[in-house]
C-alpha atoms as a PDB file:
ATOM      1  CA  MET A   1      86.721  99.577  89.081  1.00  0.00           C
ATOM      2  CA  ALA A   2      86.844 103.405  89.807  1.00  0.00           C
ATOM      3  CA  LYS A   3      90.803 104.449  90.565  1.00  0.00           C
ATOM      4  CA  ASN A   4      89.760 105.779  94.295  1.00  0.00           C
ATOM      5  CA  SER A   5      88.446 101.989  94.817  1.00  0.00           C
ATOM      6  CA  GLN A   6      91.783 100.434  93.465  1.00  0.00           C
ATOM      7  CA  LEU A   7      93.970 102.026  96.036  1.00  0.00           C
ATOM      8  CA  SER A   8      91.439 102.001  98.973  1.00  0.00           C
ATOM      9  CA  THR A   9      92.416  98.422  99.302  1.00  0.00           C
ATOM     10  CA  ILE A  10      95.545  99.795 100.750  1.00  0.00           C
ATOM     11  CA  LYS A  11      95.722  99.044 104.546  1.00  0.00           C
ATOM     12  CA  LYS A  12      99.438  99.171 105.321  1.00  0.00           C
ATOM     13  CA  PRO A  13     102.581  99.355 103.172  1.00  0.00           C
ATOM     14  CA  PRO A  14     103.014  96.581 100.596  1.00  0.00           C
ATOM     15  CA  LYS A  15     105.726  94.234 101.282  1.00  0.00           C
ATOM     16  CA  HIS A  16     106.299  93.196  97.766  1.00  0.00           C
ATOM     17  CA  LEU A  17     106.019  95.695  94.862  1.00  0.00           C
ATOM     18  CA  LEU A  18     105.909  94.710  91.085  1.00  0.00           C
ATOM     19  CA  VAL A  19     107.190  97.693  88.930  1.00  0.00           C
ATOM     20  CA  ILE A  20     106.225  97.594  85.366  1.00  0.00           C
ATOM     21  CA  ARG A  21     108.556  99.785  83.110  1.00  0.00           C
ATOM     22  CA  PHE A  22     109.172  97.499  79.776  1.00  0.00           C
ATOM     23  CA  SER A  23     110.978 100.532  77.655  1.00  0.00           C
ATOM     24  CA  ALA A  24     112.990 102.622  76.282  1.00  0.00           C
ATOM     25  CA  MET A  25     116.317 102.671  77.703  1.00  0.00           C
ATOM     26  CA  GLY A  26     116.425 106.250  79.354  1.00  0.00           C
ATOM     27  CA  ASP A  27     112.922 105.921  80.967  1.00  0.00           C
ATOM     28  CA  VAL A  28     113.982 102.364  82.286  1.00  0.00           C
ATOM     29  CA  ALA A  29     117.197 103.951  83.574  1.00  0.00           C
ATOM     30  CA  MET A  30     115.337 107.002  85.444  1.00  0.00           C
ATOM     31  CA  THR A  31     113.565 104.359  87.627  1.00  0.00           C
ATOM     32  CA  VAL A  32     117.059 103.194  88.944  1.00  0.00           C
ATOM     33  CA  PRO A  33     117.365 106.261  91.422  1.00  0.00           C
ATOM     34  CA  VAL A  34     113.865 106.125  92.364  1.00  0.00           C
ATOM     35  CA  LEU A  35     114.020 102.088  93.425  1.00  0.00           C
ATOM     36  CA  ALA A  36     117.177 102.741  94.989  1.00  0.00           C
ATOM     37  CA  ALA A  37     115.443 105.672  96.855  1.00  0.00           C
ATOM     38  CA  LEU A  38     112.505 103.240  97.690  1.00  0.00           C
ATOM     39  CA  THR A  39     114.631 100.660  98.880  1.00  0.00           C
ATOM     40  CA  GLU A  40     117.125 102.583 101.087  1.00  0.00           C
ATOM     41  CA  GLN A  41     113.871 104.624 102.724  1.00  0.00           C
ATOM     42  CA  TYR A  42     111.676 100.905 102.683  1.00  0.00           C
ATOM     43  CA  PRO A  43     114.508  98.128 103.319  1.00  0.00           C
ATOM     44  CA  GLU A  44     111.603  95.956 104.428  1.00  0.00           C
ATOM     45  CA  VAL A  45     110.045  95.955 100.895  1.00  0.00           C
ATOM     46  CA  ARG A  46     110.762  93.542  98.080  1.00  0.00           C
ATOM     47  CA  VAL A  47     110.711  95.027  94.567  1.00  0.00           C
ATOM     48  CA  THR A  48     110.196  92.961  91.347  1.00  0.00           C
ATOM     49  CA  VAL A  49     110.933  94.918  88.069  1.00  0.00           C
ATOM     50  CA  LEU A  50     108.827  93.902  85.211  1.00  0.00           C
ATOM     51  CA  THR A  51     111.016  94.751  82.011  1.00  0.00           C
ATOM     52  CA  ARG A  52     113.531  93.783  79.155  1.00  0.00           C
ATOM     53  CA  ALA A  53     116.057  90.834  80.099  1.00  0.00           C
ATOM     54  CA  PHE A  54     118.362  93.040  78.560  1.00  0.00           C
ATOM     55  CA  PHE A  55     117.786  95.842  81.217  1.00  0.00           C
ATOM     56  CA  ALA A  56     118.542  93.664  84.002  1.00  0.00           C
ATOM     57  CA  PRO A  57     121.826  94.925  85.152  1.00  0.00           C
ATOM     58  CA  MET A  58     120.611  98.621  85.852  1.00  0.00           C
ATOM     59  CA  PHE A  59     119.327  96.703  88.626  1.00  0.00           C
ATOM     60  CA  ALA A  60     121.861  94.667  90.109  1.00  0.00           C
ATOM     61  CA  GLN A  61     123.159  97.096  92.422  1.00  0.00           C
ATOM     62  CA  ILE A  62     119.973  97.680  94.275  1.00  0.00           C
ATOM     63  CA  PRO A  63     119.088  95.801  97.810  1.00  0.00           C
ATOM     64  CA  ASN A  64     116.009  94.049  97.485  1.00  0.00           C
ATOM     65  CA  VAL A  65     115.276  94.609  93.712  1.00  0.00           C
ATOM     66  CA  SER A  66     114.874  91.660  91.189  1.00  0.00           C
ATOM     67  CA  VAL A  67     113.988  91.205  87.492  1.00  0.00           C
ATOM     68  CA  PHE A  68     111.197  89.410  86.144  1.00  0.00           C
ATOM     69  CA  ALA A  69     112.054  89.198  82.255  1.00  0.00           C
ATOM     70  CA  ALA A  70     108.988  90.127  79.743  1.00  0.00           C
ATOM     71  CA  ASP A  71     109.423  88.599  76.158  1.00  0.00           C
ATOM     72  CA  LEU A  72     107.068  91.094  74.762  1.00  0.00           C
ATOM     73  CA  LYS A  73     108.019  89.947  71.233  1.00  0.00           C
ATOM     74  CA  GLY A  74     107.666  86.211  72.002  1.00  0.00           C
ATOM     75  CA  ARG A  75     106.077  84.079  74.460  1.00  0.00           C
ATOM     76  CA  HIS A  76     104.274  87.298  76.052  1.00  0.00           C
ATOM     77  CA  LYS A  77     103.338  88.998  72.979  1.00  0.00           C
ATOM     78  CA  GLY A  78      99.859  90.245  72.438  1.00  0.00           C
ATOM     79  CA  VAL A  79      96.660  89.728  74.629  1.00  0.00           C
ATOM     80  CA  VAL A  80      97.279  86.116  75.183  1.00  0.00           C
ATOM     81  CA  GLY A  81     100.754  86.396  75.777  1.00  0.00           C
ATOM     82  CA  LEU A  82     100.440  88.914  78.334  1.00  0.00           C
ATOM     83  CA  TRP A  83      97.816  86.532  80.174  1.00  0.00           C
ATOM     84  CA  LYS A  84     100.789  83.920  80.348  1.00  0.00           C
ATOM     85  CA  LEU A  85     102.900  86.662  81.608  1.00  0.00           C
ATOM     86  CA  TYR A  86     100.696  87.592  84.347  1.00  0.00           C
ATOM     87  CA  GLN A  87     100.103  83.893  85.328  1.00  0.00           C
ATOM     88  CA  GLY A  88     103.778  83.660  85.568  1.00  0.00           C
ATOM     89  CA  LEU A  89     103.788  86.231  88.111  1.00  0.00           C
ATOM     90  CA  LYS A  90     101.082  85.352  90.045  1.00  0.00           C
ATOM     91  CA  PRO A  91     103.437  82.790  92.016  1.00  0.00           C
ATOM     92  CA  LEU A  92     105.574  85.830  93.232  1.00  0.00           C
ATOM     93  CA  SER A  93     103.121  86.756  95.561  1.00  0.00           C
ATOM     94  CA  VAL A  94     103.579  90.589  94.931  1.00  0.00           C
ATOM     95  CA  ASP A  95     100.716  92.722  97.139  1.00  0.00           C
ATOM     96  CA  ALA A  96     100.992  95.779  94.895  1.00  0.00           C
ATOM     97  CA  VAL A  97     101.598  97.264  91.465  1.00  0.00           C
ATOM     98  CA  ALA A  98     103.350 100.238  90.202  1.00  0.00           C
ATOM     99  CA  ASP A  99     102.519 100.845  86.610  1.00  0.00           C
ATOM    100  CA  LEU A 100     105.505 103.080  85.705  1.00  0.00           C
ATOM    101  CA  HIS A 101     104.904 102.916  81.817  1.00  0.00           C
ATOM    102  CA  ASN A 102     101.004 103.338  81.426  1.00  0.00           C
ATOM    103  CA  VAL A 103     100.678 101.783  78.150  1.00  0.00           C
ATOM    104  CA  LEU A 104      98.228  99.551  76.302  1.00  0.00           C
ATOM    105  CA  ARG A 105     100.365  96.221  77.567  1.00  0.00           C
ATOM    106  CA  SER A 106     100.550  97.484  81.054  1.00  0.00           C
ATOM    107  CA  ASN A 107      96.877  98.339  80.944  1.00  0.00           C
ATOM    108  CA  ILE A 108      95.716  94.915  79.775  1.00  0.00           C
ATOM    109  CA  LEU A 109      97.766  93.795  82.709  1.00  0.00           C
ATOM    110  CA  LYS A 110      95.923  95.801  84.928  1.00  0.00           C
ATOM    111  CA  ARG A 111      92.795  94.306  84.314  1.00  0.00           C
ATOM    112  CA  TYR A 112      94.180  90.700  84.805  1.00  0.00           C
ATOM    113  CA  PHE A 113      95.902  92.153  88.164  1.00  0.00           C
ATOM    114  CA  LEU A 114      92.198  93.745  89.363  1.00  0.00           C
ATOM    115  CA  LEU A 115      90.609  90.093  89.241  1.00  0.00           C
ATOM    116  CA  GLY A 116      92.858  89.675  92.136  1.00  0.00           C
ATOM    117  CA  LYS A 117      91.905  92.580  94.090  1.00  0.00           C
ATOM    118  CA  LEU A 118      95.526  94.043  93.994  1.00  0.00           C
ATOM    119  CA  PRO A 119      96.055  97.851  94.597  1.00  0.00           C
ATOM    120  CA  PHE A 120      97.487  98.782  90.951  1.00  0.00           C
ATOM    121  CA  ALA A 121      98.895 102.739  90.946  1.00  0.00           C
ATOM    122  CA  GLN A 122      99.821 104.144  87.600  1.00  0.00           C
ATOM    123  CA  ILE A 123     101.989 106.950  86.331  1.00  0.00           C
ATOM    124  CA  ASP A 124     100.230 110.082  85.621  1.00  0.00           C
ATOM    125  CA  LYS A 125     102.385 111.252  82.506  1.00  0.00           C
ATOM    126  CA  GLY A 126     101.179 114.892  82.303  1.00  0.00           C
ATOM    127  CA  ARG A 127      99.974 114.597  78.632  1.00  0.00           C
ATOM    128  CA  PRO A 128      97.771 118.047  78.963  1.00  0.00           C
ATOM    129  CA  GLU A 129     100.833 120.123  80.195  1.00  0.00           C
ATOM    130  CA  LYS A 130     102.967 118.476  77.958  1.00  0.00           C
ATOM    131  CA  ARG A 131     101.079 119.205  74.628  1.00  0.00           C
ATOM    132  CA  HIS A 132     100.882 122.927  75.969  1.00  0.00           C
ATOM    133  CA  LEU A 133     104.613 122.941  76.289  1.00  0.00           C
ATOM    134  CA  THR A 134     105.301 121.675  72.885  1.00  0.00           C
ATOM    135  CA  ALA A 135     102.054 123.642  71.297  1.00  0.00           C
ATOM    136  CA  ALA A 136     103.164 125.572  68.160  1.00  0.00           C
ATOM    137  CA  LYS A 137     101.068 128.213  69.027  1.00  0.00           C
ATOM    138  CA  ASN A 138      99.586 129.393  72.933  1.00  0.00           C
ATOM    139  CA  LYS A 139     102.716 127.676  74.005  1.00  0.00           C
ATOM    140  CA  VAL A 140     103.103 127.395  78.037  1.00  0.00           C
ATOM    141  CA  PHE A 141     106.769 127.456  78.266  1.00  0.00           C
ATOM    142  CA  GLY A 142     107.653 126.353  81.797  1.00  0.00           C
ATOM    143  CA  PRO A 143     109.227 123.663  83.815  1.00  0.00           C
ATOM    144  CA  LEU A 144     106.942 120.242  84.558  1.00  0.00           C
ATOM    145  CA  ILE A 145     107.171 117.548  86.949  1.00  0.00           C
ATOM    146  CA  SER A 146     110.444 115.740  86.372  1.00  0.00           C
ATOM    147  CA  THR A 147     109.807 111.832  85.413  1.00  0.00           C
ATOM    148  CA  HIS A 148     111.428 110.944  88.765  1.00  0.00           C
ATOM    149  CA  GLN A 149     109.221 113.008  90.530  1.00  0.00           C
ATOM    150  CA  ARG A 150     106.617 111.162  88.412  1.00  0.00           C
ATOM    151  CA  TYR A 151     107.350 107.892  89.197  1.00  0.00           C
ATOM    152  CA  ALA A 152     107.856 108.570  93.125  1.00  0.00           C
ATOM    153  CA  ASN A 153     104.568 109.631  93.103  1.00  0.00           C
ATOM    154  CA  VAL A 154     103.229 106.591  92.050  1.00  0.00           C
ATOM    155  CA  PHE A 155     104.894 104.620  94.920  1.00  0.00           C
ATOM    156  CA  GLY A 156     103.246 107.233  97.212  1.00  0.00           C
ATOM    157  CA  LYS A 157      99.792 106.324  95.987  1.00  0.00           C
ATOM    158  CA  LEU A 158     100.677 102.631  96.945  1.00  0.00           C
ATOM    159  CA  GLY A 159     101.752 103.633 100.457  1.00  0.00           C
ATOM    160  CA  VAL A 160     105.468 104.328 100.593  1.00  0.00           C
ATOM    161  CA  PRO A 161     106.372 107.755  99.407  1.00  0.00           C
ATOM    162  CA  ILE A 162     109.915 108.633  98.233  1.00  0.00           C
ATOM    163  CA  GLN A 163     111.832 111.328  99.175  1.00  0.00           C
ATOM    164  CA  LEU A 164     114.006 111.484  96.463  1.00  0.00           C
ATOM    165  CA  ASP A 165     116.109 114.801  97.694  1.00  0.00           C
ATOM    166  CA  LYS A 166     117.887 112.092  99.662  1.00  0.00           C
ATOM    167  CA  ALA A 167     118.572 109.502  97.315  1.00  0.00           C
ATOM    168  CA  SER A 168     122.099 108.843  96.745  1.00  0.00           C
ATOM    169  CA  PRO A 169     123.700 107.587  93.379  1.00  0.00           C
ATOM    170  CA  LEU A 170     125.253 103.988  92.883  1.00  0.00           C
ATOM    171  CA  ALA A 171     128.693 103.084  93.544  1.00  0.00           C
ATOM    172  CA  ARG A 172     131.254 103.079  90.999  1.00  0.00           C
ATOM    173  CA  GLN A 173     131.447  99.449  90.006  1.00  0.00           C
ATOM    174  CA  PRO A 174     134.843  97.882  90.597  1.00  0.00           C
ATOM    175  CA  LEU A 175     136.563  97.506  86.984  1.00  0.00           C
ATOM    176  CA  SER A 176     136.652  94.202  85.788  1.00  0.00           C
ATOM    177  CA  THR A 177     139.536  92.712  84.030  1.00  0.00           C
ATOM    178  CA  ARG A 178     137.776  92.560  80.663  1.00  0.00           C
ATOM    179  CA  VAL A 179     136.809  96.633  81.011  1.00  0.00           C
ATOM    180  CA  LEU A 180     140.596  97.118  81.741  1.00  0.00           C
ATOM    181  CA  GLU A 181     141.532  95.546  78.746  1.00  0.00           C
ATOM    182  CA  ILE A 182     139.547  97.605  76.945  1.00  0.00           C
ATOM    183  CA  ALA A 183     140.252 100.930  78.510  1.00  0.00           C
ATOM    184  CA  GLY A 184     144.082 100.865  79.498  1.00  0.00           C
ATOM    185  CA  LYS A 185     145.277 101.930  82.748  1.00  0.00           C
ATOM    186  CA  ASP A 186     146.716 104.905  81.706  1.00  0.00           C
ATOM    187  CA  ALA A 187     146.272 107.939  84.256  1.00  0.00           C
ATOM    188  CA  LYS A 188     144.071 110.263  81.874  1.00  0.00           C
ATOM    189  CA  LYS A 189     141.119 111.316  83.272  1.00  0.00           C
ATOM    190  CA  TRP A 190     137.982 109.350  80.937  1.00  0.00           C
ATOM    191  CA  ILE A 191     135.321 111.108  79.199  1.00  0.00           C
ATOM    192  CA  GLY A 192     132.317 109.368  77.713  1.00  0.00           C
ATOM    193  CA  ILE A 193     130.689 110.489  74.453  1.00  0.00           C
ATOM    194  CA  ALA A 194     127.201 109.273  73.402  1.00  0.00           C
ATOM    195  CA  PRO A 195     127.064 111.326  69.998  1.00  0.00           C
ATOM    196  CA  PHE A 196     123.612 109.771  68.708  1.00  0.00           C
ATOM    197  CA  ALA A 197     119.813 110.074  69.650  1.00  0.00           C
ATOM    198  CA  ALA A 198     116.850 107.905  68.324  1.00  0.00           C
ATOM    199  CA  PHE A 199     115.623 111.198  66.487  1.00  0.00           C
ATOM    200  CA  GLN A 200     117.547 113.912  64.138  1.00  0.00           C
ATOM    201  CA  GLY A 201     116.190 116.838  66.324  1.00  0.00           C
ATOM    202  CA  LYS A 202     118.180 115.636  69.330  1.00  0.00           C
ATOM    203  CA  GLU A 203     121.250 114.742  67.857  1.00  0.00           C
ATOM    204  CA  TYR A 204     124.180 117.187  67.715  1.00  0.00           C
ATOM    205  CA  PRO A 205     125.517 117.208  64.057  1.00  0.00           C
ATOM    206  CA  LEU A 206     128.488 114.881  63.712  1.00  0.00           C
ATOM    207  CA  ASP A 207     130.714 117.446  62.121  1.00  0.00           C
ATOM    208  CA  LEU A 208     130.184 119.515  65.199  1.00  0.00           C
ATOM    209  CA  MET A 209     130.795 116.944  67.407  1.00  0.00           C
ATOM    210  CA  ALA A 210     133.712 115.937  65.661  1.00  0.00           C
ATOM    211  CA  ASP A 211     135.195 119.466  66.475  1.00  0.00           C
ATOM    212  CA  VAL A 212     134.551 119.044  70.021  1.00  0.00           C
ATOM    213  CA  ILE A 213     136.340 115.725  69.847  1.00  0.00           C
ATOM    214  CA  GLN A 214     139.425 117.253  67.979  1.00  0.00           C
ATOM    215  CA  ARG A 215     139.474 120.055  70.824  1.00  0.00           C
ATOM    216  CA  ILE A 216     139.505 117.078  73.544  1.00  0.00           C
ATOM    217  CA  ALA A 217     142.084 115.088  72.055  1.00  0.00           C
ATOM    218  CA  ASP A 218     144.570 118.165  71.510  1.00  0.00           C
ATOM    219  CA  THR A 219     144.482 118.364  75.043  1.00  0.00           C
ATOM    220  CA  LYS A 220     146.206 115.001  75.285  1.00  0.00           C
ATOM    221  CA  ALA A 221     144.651 114.968  79.083  1.00  0.00           C
ATOM    222  CA  TYR A 222     142.122 112.547  78.482  1.00  0.00           C
ATOM    223  CA  LYS A 223     141.051 109.456  77.164  1.00  0.00           C
ATOM    224  CA  MET A 224     137.636 109.372  75.174  1.00  0.00           C
ATOM    225  CA  PHE A 225     134.722 106.407  74.866  1.00  0.00           C
ATOM    226  CA  PHE A 226     132.330 106.547  72.484  1.00  0.00           C
ATOM    227  CA  PHE A 227     129.171 104.670  72.748  1.00  0.00           C
ATOM    228  CA  GLY A 228     126.392 103.878  70.296  1.00  0.00           C
ATOM    229  CA  GLY A 229     124.959 100.661  68.500  1.00  0.00           C
ATOM    230  CA  GLY A 230     124.105  99.485  65.449  1.00  0.00           C
ATOM    231  CA  THR A 231     126.312  99.189  61.805  1.00  0.00           C
ATOM    232  CA  LYS A 232     125.844 102.768  60.597  1.00  0.00           C
ATOM    233  CA  GLU A 233     126.989 104.174  64.184  1.00  0.00           C
ATOM    234  CA  LYS A 234     129.579 101.439  64.641  1.00  0.00           C
ATOM    235  CA  ASP A 235     131.186 102.695  61.341  1.00  0.00           C
ATOM    236  CA  ILE A 236     131.061 106.407  62.270  1.00  0.00           C
ATOM    237  CA  LEU A 237     132.571 105.620  65.660  1.00  0.00           C
ATOM    238  CA  ASP A 238     135.296 103.272  64.327  1.00  0.00           C
ATOM    239  CA  GLN A 239     136.483 106.138  61.764  1.00  0.00           C
ATOM    240  CA  TRP A 240     136.745 108.777  64.570  1.00  0.00           C
ATOM    241  CA  VAL A 241     138.868 106.050  66.485  1.00  0.00           C
ATOM    242  CA  THR A 242     141.106 105.992  63.846  1.00  0.00           C
ATOM    243  CA  ARG A 243     141.188 109.706  63.149  1.00  0.00           C
ATOM    244  CA  PHE A 244     141.411 110.890  66.738  1.00  0.00           C
ATOM    245  CA  GLU A 245     143.956 109.963  69.571  1.00  0.00           C
ATOM    246  CA  ASP A 246     143.071 108.324  73.216  1.00  0.00           C
ATOM    247  CA  ALA A 247     139.488 107.161  71.358  1.00  0.00           C
ATOM    248  CA  VAL A 248     137.617 104.072  72.142  1.00  0.00           C
ATOM    249  CA  SER A 249     134.754 102.981  70.788  1.00  0.00           C
ATOM    250  CA  MET A 250     132.728 100.570  73.015  1.00  0.00           C
ATOM    251  CA  VAL A 251     130.517  99.035  70.330  1.00  0.00           C
ATOM    252  CA  GLY A 252     130.480  95.643  70.076  1.00  0.00           C
ATOM    253  CA  GLN A 253     133.584  95.562  72.573  1.00  0.00           C
ATOM    254  CA  CYS A 254     131.360  94.278  75.597  1.00  0.00           C
ATOM    255  CA  THR A 255     128.451  93.063  77.230  1.00  0.00           C
ATOM    256  CA  PHE A 256     125.793  95.886  78.601  1.00  0.00           C
ATOM    257  CA  GLU A 257     126.752  94.876  82.188  1.00  0.00           C
ATOM    258  CA  GLU A 258     130.437  95.756  81.679  1.00  0.00           C
ATOM    259  CA  GLU A 259     129.682  98.839  79.605  1.00  0.00           C
ATOM    260  CA  LEU A 260     127.828  99.883  82.999  1.00  0.00           C
ATOM    261  CA  VAL A 261     130.867  99.289  84.656  1.00  0.00           C
ATOM    262  CA  LEU A 262     132.850 101.323  82.462  1.00  0.00           C
ATOM    263  CA  ILE A 263     130.118 104.486  82.655  1.00  0.00           C
ATOM    264  CA  SER A 264     130.193 104.215  86.431  1.00  0.00           C
ATOM    265  CA  ASN A 265     133.775 104.807  86.317  1.00  0.00           C
ATOM    266  CA  LEU A 266     133.792 108.035  83.946  1.00  0.00           C
ATOM    267  CA  ASP A 267     134.836 111.325  84.953  1.00  0.00           C
ATOM    268  CA  LEU A 268     132.322 113.038  82.696  1.00  0.00           C
ATOM    269  CA  MET A 269     129.781 111.805  80.114  1.00  0.00           C
ATOM    270  CA  LEU A 270     128.645 113.803  77.216  1.00  0.00           C
ATOM    271  CA  SER A 271     125.218 112.889  75.831  1.00  0.00           C
ATOM    272  CA  MET A 272     122.409 114.024  73.962  1.00  0.00           C
ATOM    273  CA  ASP A 273     118.799 113.867  75.559  1.00  0.00           C
ATOM    274  CA  SER A 274     119.172 109.964  75.576  1.00  0.00           C
ATOM    275  CA  GLY A 275     119.597 107.066  77.559  1.00  0.00           C
ATOM    276  CA  ASN A 276     123.531 107.433  78.108  1.00  0.00           C
ATOM    277  CA  GLY A 277     123.333 110.265  79.869  1.00  0.00           C
ATOM    278  CA  HIS A 278     120.790 108.734  82.369  1.00  0.00           C
ATOM    279  CA  LEU A 279     122.818 105.750  82.796  1.00  0.00           C
ATOM    280  CA  ALA A 280     125.652 107.809  83.398  1.00  0.00           C
ATOM    281  CA  ALA A 281     123.621 110.019  85.966  1.00  0.00           C
ATOM    282  CA  ILE A 282     122.607 107.444  88.152  1.00  0.00           C
ATOM    283  CA  TYR A 283     126.609 107.041  89.218  1.00  0.00           C
ATOM    284  CA  GLY A 284     126.261 110.287  89.821  1.00  0.00           C
ATOM    285  CA  ILE A 285     128.690 110.889  87.215  1.00  0.00           C
ATOM    286  CA  PRO A 286     128.603 114.731  85.852  1.00  0.00           C
ATOM    287  CA  THR A 287     126.471 114.435  82.692  1.00  0.00           C
ATOM    288  CA  ILE A 288     126.973 117.499  80.147  1.00  0.00           C
ATOM    289  CA  THR A 289     123.869 117.181  77.836  1.00  0.00           C
ATOM    290  CA  LEU A 290     123.019 118.754  74.374  1.00  0.00           C
ATOM    291  CA  TRP A 291     119.498 119.615  73.511  1.00  0.00           C
ATOM    292  CA  GLY A 292     117.935 120.565  70.036  1.00  0.00           C
ATOM    293  CA  VAL A 293     114.107 120.387  69.578  1.00  0.00           C
ATOM    294  CA  THR A 294     113.667 118.865  73.041  1.00  0.00           C
ATOM    295  CA  HIS A 295     113.857 120.899  76.280  1.00  0.00           C
ATOM    296  CA  PRO A 296     114.614 119.523  80.075  1.00  0.00           C
ATOM    297  CA  TYR A 297     111.262 121.574  81.199  1.00  0.00           C
ATOM    298  CA  ALA A 298     109.460 118.397  79.691  1.00  0.00           C
ATOM    299  CA  GLY A 299     110.834 116.852  82.755  1.00  0.00           C
ATOM    300  CA  PHE A 300     113.465 114.206  81.292  1.00  0.00           C
ATOM    301  CA  TYR A 301     116.473 115.688  82.687  1.00  0.00           C
ATOM    302  CA  PRO A 302     119.356 113.228  83.856  1.00  0.00           C
ATOM    303  CA  PHE A 303     118.828 112.620  87.954  1.00  0.00           C
ATOM    304  CA  LYS A 304     120.308 115.047  90.318  1.00  0.00           C
ATOM    305  CA  GLN A 305     122.683 116.962  87.489  1.00  0.00           C
ATOM    306  CA  ASP A 306     123.311 120.600  87.837  1.00  0.00           C
ATOM    307  CA  SER A 307     120.779 122.733  85.321  1.00  0.00           C
ATOM    308  CA  GLY A 308     124.186 124.097  84.259  1.00  0.00           C
ATOM    309  CA  TYR A 309     125.543 121.168  82.554  1.00  0.00           C
ATOM    310  CA  ALA A 310     122.347 121.463  80.061  1.00  0.00           C
ATOM    311  CA  LEU A 311     123.786 123.320  76.885  1.00  0.00           C
ATOM    312  CA  LEU A 312     120.225 124.471  74.845  1.00  0.00           C
ATOM    313  CA  ALA A 313     120.046 125.544  71.362  1.00  0.00           C
ATOM    314  CA  ASP A 314     118.738 128.912  71.255  1.00  0.00           C
ATOM    315  CA  ARG A 315     115.217 129.520  71.439  1.00  0.00           C
ATOM    316  CA  GLY A 316     115.295 133.243  70.528  1.00  0.00           C
ATOM    317  CA  LYS A 317     115.932 131.999  66.852  1.00  0.00           C
ATOM    318  CA  TYR A 318     113.765 128.647  67.116  1.00  0.00           C
ATOM    319  CA  PRO A 319     110.916 129.714  69.459  1.00  0.00           C
ATOM    320  CA  ARG A 320     108.902 126.763  69.291  1.00  0.00           C
ATOM    321  CA  ILE A 321     111.627 124.608  71.129  1.00  0.00           C
ATOM    322  CA  PRO A 322     110.499 122.130  72.646  1.00  0.00           C
ATOM    323  CA  THR A 323     108.596 121.014  69.491  1.00  0.00           C
ATOM    324  CA  SER A 324     107.885 117.729  71.244  1.00  0.00           C
ATOM    325  CA  VAL A 325     108.573 115.739  74.327  1.00  0.00           C
ATOM    326  CA  TYR A 326     110.658 112.969  72.231  1.00  0.00           C
ATOM    327  CA  GLY A 327     112.240 115.082  69.483  1.00  0.00           C
ATOM    328  CA  LYS A 328     109.894 113.234  66.896  1.00  0.00           C
ATOM    329  CA  LYS A 329     108.365 116.774  65.406  1.00  0.00           C
ATOM    330  CA  LEU A 330     111.257 118.460  63.354  1.00  0.00           C
ATOM    331  CA  PRO A 331     109.477 121.380  61.776  1.00  0.00           C
ATOM    332  CA  LYS A 332     110.731 122.772  58.875  1.00  0.00           C
ATOM    333  CA  GLY A 333     113.554 125.150  59.230  1.00  0.00           C
ATOM    334  CA  TYR A 334     114.520 123.643  62.624  1.00  0.00           C
ATOM    335  CA  GLU A 335     116.870 121.647  61.000  1.00  0.00           C
ATOM    336  CA  LYS A 336     119.744 123.424  62.097  1.00  0.00           C
ATOM    337  CA  ALA A 337     118.995 124.443  65.560  1.00  0.00           C
ATOM    338  CA  MET A 338     121.778 122.378  67.109  1.00  0.00           C
ATOM    339  CA  TYR A 339     123.938 124.374  65.181  1.00  0.00           C
ATOM    340  CA  THR A 340     123.111 127.109  67.732  1.00  0.00           C
ATOM    341  CA  ILE A 341     125.389 125.123  70.176  1.00  0.00           C
ATOM    342  CA  SER A 342     128.843 125.931  69.261  1.00  0.00           C
ATOM    343  CA  PRO A 343     131.652 123.115  69.395  1.00  0.00           C
ATOM    344  CA  GLU A 344     133.706 125.731  71.362  1.00  0.00           C
ATOM    345  CA  ALA A 345     130.667 126.097  74.149  1.00  0.00           C
ATOM    346  CA  VAL A 346     130.575 122.134  74.524  1.00  0.00           C
ATOM    347  CA  PHE A 347     134.496 121.708  74.928  1.00  0.00           C
ATOM    348  CA  HIS A 348     134.877 124.949  77.794  1.00  0.00           C
ATOM    349  CA  LYS A 349     131.888 123.316  79.551  1.00  0.00           C
ATOM    350  CA  ILE A 350     133.711 119.899  79.311  1.00  0.00           C
ATOM    351  CA  LEU A 351     136.831 121.724  80.848  1.00  0.00           C
ATOM    352  CA  GLU A 352     134.757 123.564  83.432  1.00  0.00           C
ATOM    353  CA  VAL A 353     132.896 120.531  84.640  1.00  0.00           C
ATOM    354  CA  LEU A 354     136.017 118.653  84.934  1.00  0.00           C
ATOM    355  CA  ASP A 355     137.888 121.373  86.768  1.00  0.00           C
ATOM    356  CA  SER A 356     135.207 121.810  89.374  1.00  0.00           C
ATOM    357  CA  ALA A 357     134.588 117.981  89.893  1.00  0.00           C
END
């Protein structure tokens, strides 16, 4: 069935939307402000998000939004598993599907949903323009459509256009007893620090980050919370907690839901081009991001954050930046691109943002 004919069945705005976005954490987090805007602007519309169960707490605050957990490594694995998933979704009686992922799994589900003649719209990821942006030769360097807007465009195809400029951040969450036990009750401002990224080219060198942390600790004015995951990252953060005053590692301390509560109460987040920056941004927390071989022009800048909150590697010295959309490509000679962002610059940006908040 042709794309236009899929959408031609839409006679009126849907009452119950299925939204597909399986992973990764940052990409899923970027759906949150879009869905919050959708439900605020169309309060009569119900939304079911098809994603990993782990991500469900992200959506807990949004009215009319529920999560259907996909077990893609278990009972929903493979073509047969996706058929079972489709059968499990049918009783929900959705009347349109917004695919914000557009990968093999969602395309298989698309075939199943079209059997039932449901309107099915997919994200345009803008692959050609992203190839031009990241090209080593004949690069076309300029800002692309944001991922948030690409998500919103999908809903426009389904008859519910969204005005992202009117979107509001999620409210700060009440601090639970458990979070207060971890964080303490002093009056210092809270700074979140997420020093890790999926790829080397997106990660601020740890020796430079330790320098930034030392500068913050020396002020004795702030409490720092370190975010990460995995054994190696836990070991590094545990060493930093021992080394620096007023520092707490969140790894293994609480549930993801409790971690979101803490993030929603930060005064500032310092992050790479990674998921924690997007988590902070959905609560409107001022979020400073550090960019190595990726670049905000690719469309993954945290939602409604001031463009001045991004500190970028020097393209004068490293003109091939961005070398890829997700940071997978680290060309020879670009290993130290992030060293062009000085710890002093990061520290002063933190003070500047906190002073203006």
